[in-house]
């Protein structure tokens, strides 16, 4: 399977998506359905880590899917932000960096350990009064009140 979705940790706070080439937009959308049903197993916040360390290509037609992909990357229910992207190739990294500039809600890192650090910091922010709103505004590139 080119995209495998599973719990990353025993606490079930991180869903890891592992990508291998080749993968398609349809497979991505199917993986999103799996990730959603996985996330629905719990009532607490869940972060998503998309691991591209084994994928270097993008599927055909992905540019046309940007608005739909953005709808999937919105905070809702127990889907926490940011979505963390790990270890992408130059092409994938460039695409994701552009997506992040347009839509927000993405953090690009090199390793799974870096992803854990980003999520640990985000968890602290979520626990603060008004921290969730501030974090979402920051990820969307909007200023927040101090």
Protein backbone atom coordinates (compact mmCIF):
# COMPACT_ATOMS: atom_id res chain seq x y z
CA UNK A 1 0.00 0.00 0.00
CA UNK A 2 1.44 3.38 -0.94
CA UNK A 3 -0.15 5.16 2.05
CA UNK A 4 -0.43 3.40 5.41
CA UNK A 5 -2.32 5.11 8.24
CA UNK A 6 -1.88 3.96 11.84
CA UNK A 7 -1.53 5.15 15.42
CA UNK A 8 2.00 6.40 16.03
CA UNK A 9 1.94 6.23 19.82
CA UNK A 10 0.19 4.12 22.48
CA UNK A 11 -1.57 7.23 23.86
CA UNK A 12 -3.36 7.55 20.49
CA UNK A 13 -2.59 11.25 20.14
CA UNK A 14 -0.75 11.01 16.81
CA UNK A 15 -1.89 9.38 13.58
CA UNK A 16 1.02 8.65 11.24
CA UNK A 17 0.56 8.49 7.50
CA UNK A 18 3.50 6.66 5.83
CA UNK A 19 3.87 7.38 2.09
CA UNK A 20 5.76 5.32 -0.51
CA UNK A 21 5.92 5.94 -4.26
CA UNK A 22 3.86 5.83 -6.33
CA UNK A 23 0.72 7.17 -4.64
CA UNK A 24 -2.38 8.84 -6.07
CA UNK A 25 -4.80 11.55 -4.99
CA UNK A 26 -7.53 8.89 -4.72
CA UNK A 27 -5.29 6.87 -2.36
CA UNK A 28 -4.70 10.04 -0.34
CA UNK A 29 -8.46 10.64 -0.03
CA UNK A 30 -8.97 6.98 0.99
CA UNK A 31 -6.21 7.38 3.60
CA UNK A 32 -8.03 10.46 4.91
CA UNK A 33 -11.13 8.33 5.48
CA UNK A 34 -9.05 5.80 7.41
CA UNK A 35 -7.41 8.60 9.42
CA UNK A 36 -10.82 10.08 10.23
CA UNK A 37 -12.21 6.76 11.47
CA UNK A 38 -9.00 6.17 13.45
CA UNK A 39 -9.28 9.63 15.03
CA UNK A 40 -12.94 8.97 15.87
CA UNK A 41 -11.85 6.08 18.13
CA UNK A 42 -10.88 8.65 20.77
CA UNK A 43 -12.35 11.86 22.17
CA UNK A 44 -9.09 13.73 22.83
CA UNK A 45 -7.07 15.85 20.38
CA UNK A 46 -5.21 14.00 17.65
CA UNK A 47 -2.35 15.31 15.50
CA UNK A 48 -1.49 14.03 12.04
CA UNK A 49 2.06 13.30 10.92
CA UNK A 50 2.47 12.73 7.18
CA UNK A 51 5.76 10.88 6.70
CA UNK A 52 7.25 11.35 3.22
CA UNK A 53 10.69 9.92 4.00
CA UNK A 54 10.04 7.07 1.53
CA UNK A 55 8.26 9.16 -1.15
CA UNK A 56 9.86 11.57 -3.57
CA UNK A 57 7.12 12.09 -6.16
CA UNK A 58 3.77 13.83 -6.29
CA UNK A 59 0.75 12.27 -7.98
CA UNK A 60 -0.75 13.63 -11.17
CA UNK A 61 -3.53 16.12 -10.70
CA UNK A 62 -2.62 17.12 -7.16
CA UNK A 63 -2.53 20.83 -8.01
CA UNK A 64 -6.19 20.71 -9.07
CA UNK A 65 -7.02 19.15 -5.69
CA UNK A 66 -5.60 21.96 -3.52
CA UNK A 67 -8.98 23.36 -2.40
CA UNK A 68 -10.23 19.89 -1.46
CA UNK A 69 -6.98 19.07 0.35
CA UNK A 70 -7.29 22.33 2.27
CA UNK A 71 -10.76 21.33 3.48
CA UNK A 72 -9.24 18.16 4.91
CA UNK A 73 -6.55 20.14 6.75
CA UNK A 74 -8.86 22.20 8.95
CA UNK A 75 -9.20 21.95 12.71
CA UNK A 76 -12.44 20.17 13.53
CA UNK A 77 -13.76 17.85 16.17
CA UNK A 78 -10.60 16.37 17.66
CA UNK A 79 -8.26 17.05 14.67
CA UNK A 80 -5.51 19.18 16.15
CA UNK A 81 -3.21 21.56 14.30
CA UNK A 82 -0.63 21.79 12.86
CA UNK A 83 -0.44 18.84 10.53
CA UNK A 84 3.25 17.88 10.53
CA UNK A 85 5.03 16.84 7.33
CA UNK A 86 8.22 14.79 7.76
CA UNK A 87 11.23 14.27 5.53
CA UNK A 88 9.98 15.25 2.12
CA UNK A 89 12.06 15.43 -1.08
CA UNK A 90 12.75 18.75 -2.78
CA UNK A 91 9.71 18.47 -5.05
CA UNK A 92 7.32 17.36 -2.33
CA UNK A 93 8.76 19.90 0.11
CA UNK A 94 8.33 22.73 -2.40
CA UNK A 95 4.72 21.73 -3.03
CA UNK A 96 3.93 21.48 0.68
CA UNK A 97 5.69 24.77 1.47
CA UNK A 98 3.56 26.47 -1.20
CA UNK A 99 0.40 24.81 0.16
CA UNK A 100 1.34 25.99 3.67
CA UNK A 101 1.87 29.58 2.48
CA UNK A 102 -1.52 29.61 0.78
CA UNK A 103 -3.61 27.73 3.33
CA UNK A 104 -1.58 27.46 6.57
CA UNK A 105 -1.85 24.72 9.17
CA UNK A 106 1.32 22.85 8.17
CA UNK A 107 4.66 22.39 9.86
CA UNK A 108 7.57 20.98 7.80
CA UNK A 109 10.25 19.02 9.68
CA UNK A 110 13.12 16.66 8.84
CA UNK A 111 12.58 13.77 11.27
CA UNK A 112 9.90 12.02 13.29
CA UNK A 113 11.68 13.26 16.41
CA UNK A 114 11.26 16.83 15.13
CA UNK A 115 7.57 16.09 14.53
CA UNK A 116 7.20 14.92 18.13
CA UNK A 117 8.77 18.19 19.32
CA UNK A 118 6.42 20.32 17.20
CA UNK A 119 3.44 18.39 18.53
CA UNK A 120 4.64 18.65 22.14
CA UNK A 121 4.87 22.45 21.75
CA UNK A 122 1.44 22.59 20.11
CA UNK A 123 -0.05 20.51 22.95
CA UNK A 124 1.25 23.06 25.45
CA UNK A 125 -0.35 25.86 23.45
CA UNK A 126 -3.68 23.99 23.26
CA UNK A 127 -3.67 23.65 27.05
CA UNK A 128 -3.35 27.42 27.60
CA UNK A 129 -6.44 29.65 27.87
CA UNK A 130 -7.18 30.90 24.35
CA UNK A 131 -4.12 28.97 23.16
CA UNK A 132 -6.03 27.00 20.55
CA UNK A 133 -7.38 30.18 18.93
CA UNK A 134 -3.95 31.82 18.97
CA UNK A 135 -2.29 28.73 17.51
CA UNK A 136 -4.83 28.50 14.68
CA UNK A 137 -4.43 32.21 13.91
CA UNK A 138 -0.65 31.84 13.89
CA UNK A 139 -0.83 28.84 11.57
CA UNK A 140 -3.11 30.77 9.24
CA UNK A 141 -0.65 33.68 9.21
CA UNK A 142 -2.97 35.98 11.12
CA UNK A 143 -1.74 38.09 14.02
CA UNK A 144 -3.05 37.29 17.46
CA UNK A 145 -3.54 39.46 20.53
CA UNK A 146 -1.00 39.12 23.33
